[in-house]
């Protein structure tokens, strides 16, 4: 399971629990900037995995992968990021003998579920894997509240430096327009 962060993993823990599923969580987030933000998310993820006794893999942080994927294609950054992440998850699933892939990105109302599903199905079909789509948007705010109650780090933006700028630049742009 491609895992963007610990809070978004919470609904997946319930949905993909044993004995029906043998989930293995993957933390591969080359899109997250700056490095301190990446470390906070990773620490929260590893704490959750340890508390729950879950199997997981962390791919070393290499933001250059994300930068190369989106350079000069910034308007398509989310699509390219989804593809990068889901390819890595599918390749690892294939190497480890898993039959299916999914992502915790489906927990967020801020992600393009239709596009994630389209890319996930395409990537998995090319590798002979199943892609599992699910929808955690209805419980998103309860999930965030539960994460905060557990003392988890909840990030203020999607992860990439462009989403960080969008998140923190809104107020300045509104002020510039006199709003």
Protein backbone atom coordinates (compact mmCIF):
# COMPACT_ATOMS: atom_id res chain seq x y z
CA UNK A 1 0.00 0.00 0.00
CA UNK A 2 1.45 3.30 -1.12
CA UNK A 3 1.28 5.46 2.01
CA UNK A 4 1.42 9.23 1.84
CA UNK A 5 1.30 9.80 5.61
CA UNK A 6 0.28 8.27 8.92
CA UNK A 7 -3.09 10.06 9.25
CA UNK A 8 -4.24 8.85 5.82
CA UNK A 9 -3.13 5.33 6.74
CA UNK A 10 -5.63 5.21 9.63
CA UNK A 11 -8.74 4.38 7.55
CA UNK A 12 -6.67 1.91 5.49
CA UNK A 13 -5.74 0.06 8.69
CA UNK A 14 -9.43 -0.69 9.22
CA UNK A 15 -10.31 -1.42 5.60
CA UNK A 16 -7.35 -3.67 4.83
CA UNK A 17 -7.03 -5.53 8.11
CA UNK A 18 -6.24 -9.19 8.68
CA UNK A 19 -7.42 -11.85 8.26
CA UNK A 20 -8.87 -10.74 4.91
CA UNK A 21 -5.81 -8.78 3.88
CA UNK A 22 -2.07 -8.96 4.38
CA UNK A 23 -1.18 -5.31 3.93
CA UNK A 24 2.37 -4.09 3.55
CA UNK A 25 2.81 -0.33 3.77
CA UNK A 26 5.24 1.60 1.59
CA UNK A 27 6.60 5.02 2.49
CA UNK A 28 7.92 6.51 -0.74
CA UNK A 29 7.54 10.26 -0.81
CA UNK A 30 10.17 11.94 -2.99
CA UNK A 31 7.69 14.77 -3.54
CA UNK A 32 7.77 16.02 0.06
CA UNK A 33 9.73 19.21 0.64
CA UNK A 34 11.55 20.47 2.61
CA UNK A 35 13.55 17.62 4.16
CA UNK A 36 12.39 18.54 7.69
CA UNK A 37 8.79 18.08 6.55
CA UNK A 38 9.70 14.70 5.08
CA UNK A 39 11.34 13.64 8.37
CA UNK A 40 8.27 14.66 10.42
CA UNK A 41 5.99 12.63 8.16
CA UNK A 42 8.33 9.64 8.19
CA UNK A 43 8.65 9.67 11.99
CA UNK A 44 4.87 9.78 12.38
CA UNK A 45 4.47 6.94 9.86
CA UNK A 46 7.10 4.75 11.56
CA UNK A 47 5.56 5.37 14.97
CA UNK A 48 2.14 4.26 13.69
CA UNK A 49 3.56 1.18 11.98
CA UNK A 50 5.42 0.25 15.18
CA UNK A 51 2.38 0.77 17.41
CA UNK A 52 0.21 -1.33 15.11
CA UNK A 53 2.87 -3.98 14.47
CA UNK A 54 2.52 -3.59 10.71
CA UNK A 55 4.94 -4.55 7.96
CA UNK A 56 6.36 -1.63 6.06
CA UNK A 57 9.13 -0.49 3.76
CA UNK A 58 10.75 2.93 3.55
CA UNK A 59 12.36 3.87 0.25
CA UNK A 60 15.25 6.28 0.87
CA UNK A 61 14.43 9.93 0.30
CA UNK A 62 15.52 11.05 -3.15
CA UNK A 63 13.67 14.25 -4.08
CA UNK A 64 15.61 14.36 -7.34
CA UNK A 65 13.28 11.64 -8.67
CA UNK A 66 10.26 13.87 -8.19
CA UNK A 67 12.07 16.96 -9.49
CA UNK A 68 13.12 15.14 -12.68
CA UNK A 69 9.59 13.82 -13.17
CA UNK A 70 7.87 17.21 -12.95
CA UNK A 71 10.52 19.63 -14.26
CA UNK A 72 9.01 21.80 -16.98
CA UNK A 73 5.66 19.98 -16.50
CA UNK A 74 4.57 21.65 -13.28
CA UNK A 75 0.94 21.94 -14.43
CA UNK A 76 0.79 18.13 -14.47
CA UNK A 77 2.68 17.62 -11.24
CA UNK A 78 -0.06 15.69 -9.42
CA UNK A 79 -0.54 13.25 -12.29
CA UNK A 80 3.21 12.73 -12.58
CA UNK A 81 3.57 12.33 -8.82
CA UNK A 82 0.75 9.75 -8.68
CA UNK A 83 2.38 7.82 -11.53
CA UNK A 84 5.83 7.92 -9.89
CA UNK A 85 4.49 6.68 -6.56
CA UNK A 86 2.20 4.00 -7.99
CA UNK A 87 4.90 2.64 -10.29
CA UNK A 88 7.24 2.25 -7.33
CA UNK A 89 4.51 0.58 -5.26
CA UNK A 90 3.64 -1.79 -8.11
CA UNK A 91 7.27 -2.68 -8.75
CA UNK A 92 7.85 -3.46 -5.08
CA UNK A 93 4.58 -5.43 -4.88
CA UNK A 94 5.64 -7.48 -7.87
CA UNK A 95 9.11 -8.12 -6.41
CA UNK A 96 7.64 -9.12 -3.05
CA UNK A 97 4.92 -11.39 -4.45
CA UNK A 98 1.85 -9.29 -3.65
CA UNK A 99 -1.20 -9.49 -5.89
CA UNK A 100 -2.63 -5.99 -5.52
CA UNK A 101 -1.76 -2.36 -4.90
CA UNK A 102 -3.66 0.54 -3.43
CA UNK A 103 -2.84 3.93 -1.95
CA UNK A 104 -3.77 5.95 1.10
CA UNK A 105 -4.18 8.95 -1.20
CA UNK A 106 -7.78 7.70 -1.48
CA UNK A 107 -8.34 8.88 2.12
CA UNK A 108 -8.07 12.54 1.14
CA UNK A 109 -10.72 14.76 -0.44
CA UNK A 110 -7.86 16.92 -1.75
CA UNK A 111 -6.60 14.25 -4.18
CA UNK A 112 -8.00 13.47 -7.64
CA UNK A 113 -9.51 10.03 -7.01
CA UNK A 114 -10.55 9.49 -10.61
CA UNK A 115 -7.04 10.20 -11.88
CA UNK A 116 -5.42 8.06 -9.17
CA UNK A 117 -7.71 5.18 -10.10
CA UNK A 118 -7.00 5.57 -13.82
CA UNK A 119 -3.21 5.67 -13.30
CA UNK A 120 -3.27 2.90 -10.71
CA UNK A 121 -5.24 0.56 -12.95
CA UNK A 122 -2.94 1.26 -15.89
CA UNK A 123 0.27 0.78 -13.91
CA UNK A 124 -0.98 -2.39 -12.24
CA UNK A 125 -2.44 -3.90 -15.42
CA UNK A 126 0.95 -3.53 -17.12
CA UNK A 127 2.50 -5.58 -14.30
CA UNK A 128 -0.24 -8.19 -13.91
CA UNK A 129 -1.45 -6.78 -10.58
CA UNK A 130 -4.85 -5.73 -9.33
CA UNK A 131 -5.41 -2.10 -8.36
CA UNK A 132 -7.81 -1.57 -5.46
CA UNK A 133 -9.69 1.73 -5.40
CA UNK A 134 -11.52 2.82 -2.25
CA UNK A 135 -13.02 6.04 -0.97
CA UNK A 136 -12.15 7.44 2.44
CA UNK A 137 -13.25 11.03 1.78
CA UNK A 138 -16.44 10.84 3.85
CA UNK A 139 -14.48 10.09 7.00
CA UNK A 140 -11.55 12.41 6.31
CA UNK A 141 -12.23 15.01 9.00
CA UNK A 142 -12.92 12.34 11.61
CA UNK A 143 -9.68 10.65 10.59
CA UNK A 144 -7.72 13.89 11.03
CA UNK A 145 -9.34 14.43 14.44
CA UNK A 146 -8.41 10.86 15.45
CA UNK A 147 -4.85 11.40 14.23
CA UNK A 148 -4.52 14.58 16.28
CA UNK A 149 -6.00 12.84 19.32
CA UNK A 150 -3.29 10.17 18.95
CA UNK A 151 -0.65 12.92 18.81
CA UNK A 152 0.22 12.25 15.16
CA UNK A 153 1.78 14.88 12.99
CA UNK A 154 -0.79 16.23 10.54
CA UNK A 155 0.80 18.10 7.70
CA UNK A 156 -0.48 21.47 6.48
CA UNK A 157 -0.03 20.81 2.71
CA UNK A 158 0.14 17.92 0.24
CA UNK A 159 3.90 17.72 0.19
CA UNK A 160 5.60 19.23 -2.82
CA UNK A 161 7.11 22.66 -2.77
CA UNK A 162 4.49 23.88 -5.23
CA UNK A 163 1.64 22.75 -2.97
CA UNK A 164 3.43 24.35 -0.03
CA UNK A 165 3.60 27.65 -1.90
CA UNK A 166 -0.09 27.41 -2.82
CA UNK A 167 -1.02 26.66 0.79
CA UNK A 168 0.88 29.55 2.33
CA UNK A 169 0.58 32.05 -0.50
CA UNK A 170 -3.25 32.21 -0.47
CA UNK A 171 -3.38 34.89 2.22
CA UNK A 172 -0.80 37.10 0.54
CA UNK A 173 -2.55 36.87 -2.83
CA UNK A 174 -5.90 37.74 -1.25
CA UNK A 175 -4.30 40.72 0.49
CA UNK A 176 -2.73 41.83 -2.79
CA UNK A 177 -6.23 41.83 -4.34
CA UNK A 178 -7.55 43.88 -1.43
CA UNK A 179 -9.71 41.09 -0.01
